[in-house]
C-alpha atoms as a PDB file:
ATOM      1  CA  UNK A   1    -147.015  53.334 147.171  1.00  0.00           C
ATOM      2  CA  UNK A   2    -145.403  56.230 145.128  1.00  0.00           C
ATOM      3  CA  UNK A   3    -141.737  56.770 144.826  1.00  0.00           C
ATOM      4  CA  UNK A   4    -142.024  60.000 146.823  1.00  0.00           C
ATOM      5  CA  UNK A   5    -143.496  58.215 149.730  1.00  0.00           C
ATOM      6  CA  UNK A   6    -141.049  55.315 149.594  1.00  0.00           C
ATOM      7  CA  UNK A   7    -138.126  57.917 149.766  1.00  0.00           C
ATOM      8  CA  UNK A   8    -139.725  59.547 152.789  1.00  0.00           C
ATOM      9  CA  UNK A   9    -140.105  56.085 154.552  1.00  0.00           C
ATOM     10  CA  UNK A  10    -136.537  55.264 153.695  1.00  0.00           C
ATOM     11  CA  UNK A  11    -135.487  58.469 155.200  1.00  0.00           C
ATOM     12  CA  UNK A  12    -137.419  58.132 158.196  1.00  0.00           C
ATOM     13  CA  UNK A  13    -135.739  54.702 159.031  1.00  0.00           C
ATOM     14  CA  UNK A  14    -132.483  56.510 159.500  1.00  0.00           C
ATOM     15  CA  UNK A  15    -133.575  59.274 161.939  1.00  0.00           C
ATOM     16  CA  UNK A  16    -132.265  59.232 165.326  1.00  0.00           C
ATOM     17  CA  UNK A  17    -134.153  61.171 167.703  1.00  0.00           C
ATOM     18  CA  UNK A  18    -132.595  63.123 170.572  1.00  0.00           C
ATOM     19  CA  UNK A  19    -133.881  62.586 174.210  1.00  0.00           C
ATOM     20  CA  UNK A  20    -135.743  66.003 173.813  1.00  0.00           C
ATOM     21  CA  UNK A  21    -137.344  64.960 170.550  1.00  0.00           C
ATOM     22  CA  UNK A  22    -138.226  61.632 172.120  1.00  0.00           C
ATOM     23  CA  UNK A  23    -139.771  63.363 175.182  1.00  0.00           C
ATOM     24  CA  UNK A  24    -141.740  65.719 173.100  1.00  0.00           C
ATOM     25  CA  UNK A  25    -143.167  63.012 170.938  1.00  0.00           C
ATOM     26  CA  UNK A  26    -144.013  61.134 173.931  1.00  0.00           C
ATOM     27  CA  UNK A  27    -145.933  63.738 175.321  1.00  0.00           C
ATOM     28  CA  UNK A  28    -147.671  64.611 172.042  1.00  0.00           C
ATOM     29  CA  UNK A  29    -148.789  60.974 171.900  1.00  0.00           C
ATOM     30  CA  UNK A  30    -150.173  60.838 175.653  1.00  0.00           C
ATOM     31  CA  UNK A  31    -152.128  64.128 174.780  1.00  0.00           C
ATOM     32  CA  UNK A  32    -153.469  62.742 171.624  1.00  0.00           C
ATOM     33  CA  UNK A  33    -154.738  59.670 173.174  1.00  0.00           C
ATOM     34  CA  UNK A  34    -156.091  61.116 176.404  1.00  0.00           C
ATOM     35  CA  UNK A  35    -157.721  63.842 174.730  1.00  0.00           C
ATOM     36  CA  UNK A  36    -159.692  61.500 172.509  1.00  0.00           C
ATOM     37  CA  UNK A  37    -161.325  59.973 175.565  1.00  0.00           C
ATOM     38  CA  UNK A  38    -161.721  63.226 177.576  1.00  0.00           C
ATOM     39  CA  UNK A  39    -161.599  66.677 175.685  1.00  0.00           C
ATOM     40  CA  UNK A  40    -160.996  68.592 179.209  1.00  0.00           C
ATOM     41  CA  UNK A  41    -157.310  67.108 179.176  1.00  0.00           C
ATOM     42  CA  UNK A  42    -154.879  69.804 178.153  1.00  0.00           C
ATOM     43  CA  UNK A  43    -151.348  69.813 177.057  1.00  0.00           C
ATOM     44  CA  UNK A  44    -150.432  71.420 180.446  1.00  0.00           C
ATOM     45  CA  UNK A  45    -152.046  68.388 182.353  1.00  0.00           C
ATOM     46  CA  UNK A  46    -149.702  66.104 180.284  1.00  0.00           C
ATOM     47  CA  UNK A  47    -146.742  68.203 180.939  1.00  0.00           C
ATOM     48  CA  UNK A  48    -147.360  68.343 184.673  1.00  0.00           C
ATOM     49  CA  UNK A  49    -147.987  64.620 184.756  1.00  0.00           C
ATOM     50  CA  UNK A  50    -144.810  63.881 182.882  1.00  0.00           C
ATOM     51  CA  UNK A  51    -142.779  66.413 184.907  1.00  0.00           C
ATOM     52  CA  UNK A  52    -144.100  64.559 188.156  1.00  0.00           C
ATOM     53  CA  UNK A  53    -143.081  61.263 186.656  1.00  0.00           C
ATOM     54  CA  UNK A  54    -139.849  62.562 185.754  1.00  0.00           C
ATOM     55  CA  UNK A  55    -139.070  64.084 189.181  1.00  0.00           C
ATOM     56  CA  UNK A  56    -140.108  60.899 191.099  1.00  0.00           C
ATOM     57  CA  UNK A  57    -137.661  58.819 188.895  1.00  0.00           C
ATOM     58  CA  UNK A  58    -134.827  60.901 189.979  1.00  0.00           C
END
Protein backbone atom coordinates (compact mmCIF):
# COMPACT_ATOMS: atom_id res chain seq x y z
CA UNK A 1 0.00 0.00 0.00
CA UNK A 2 1.37 3.41 -0.90
CA UNK A 3 1.75 6.12 1.71
CA UNK A 4 -0.70 8.33 -0.22
CA UNK A 5 -3.36 5.62 -0.06
CA UNK A 6 -2.70 5.06 3.64
CA UNK A 7 -3.11 8.81 4.29
CA UNK A 8 -6.48 8.78 2.52
CA UNK A 9 -7.63 5.74 4.50
CA UNK A 10 -6.57 7.36 7.77
CA UNK A 11 -8.38 10.57 6.84
CA UNK A 12 -11.55 8.65 5.87
CA UNK A 13 -11.67 6.97 9.27
CA UNK A 14 -12.30 10.33 10.91
CA UNK A 15 -15.06 11.52 8.60
CA UNK A 16 -18.48 11.95 10.18
CA UNK A 17 -21.22 12.06 7.59
CA UNK A 18 -24.27 14.26 8.01
CA UNK A 19 -27.71 12.68 7.84
CA UNK A 20 -28.16 14.11 4.32
CA UNK A 21 -24.81 12.65 3.17
CA UNK A 22 -25.71 9.29 4.73
CA UNK A 23 -29.10 9.25 2.97
CA UNK A 24 -27.50 10.19 -0.34
CA UNK A 25 -24.97 7.38 0.08
CA UNK A 26 -27.73 4.91 1.01
CA UNK A 27 -29.71 5.75 -2.10
CA UNK A 28 -26.63 5.54 -4.29
CA UNK A 29 -25.82 2.11 -2.86
CA UNK A 30 -29.40 0.93 -3.44
CA UNK A 31 -29.34 2.18 -7.03
CA UNK A 32 -25.98 0.61 -7.78
CA UNK A 33 -27.01 -2.78 -6.48
CA UNK A 34 -30.48 -2.91 -8.01
CA UNK A 35 -29.40 -1.50 -11.37
CA UNK A 36 -26.91 -4.39 -11.75
CA UNK A 37 -29.80 -6.85 -11.63
CA UNK A 38 -32.32 -4.75 -13.58
CA UNK A 39 -31.12 -2.03 -15.93
CA UNK A 40 -34.61 -0.54 -16.07
CA UNK A 41 -34.23 0.68 -12.46
CA UNK A 42 -33.56 4.41 -12.36
CA UNK A 43 -32.44 6.78 -9.65
CA UNK A 44 -35.97 8.18 -9.71
CA UNK A 45 -37.34 4.73 -8.81
CA UNK A 46 -34.97 4.60 -5.85
CA UNK A 47 -35.87 8.13 -4.74
CA UNK A 48 -39.60 7.39 -4.90
CA UNK A 49 -39.20 4.17 -2.92
CA UNK A 50 -36.96 5.84 -0.32
CA UNK A 51 -39.38 8.75 0.04
CA UNK A 52 -42.28 6.32 0.47
CA UNK A 53 -40.40 4.39 3.16
CA UNK A 54 -39.46 7.64 4.90
CA UNK A 55 -43.07 8.84 4.88
CA UNK A 56 -44.38 5.57 6.26
CA UNK A 57 -41.93 5.76 9.21
CA UNK A 58 -43.17 9.18 10.29
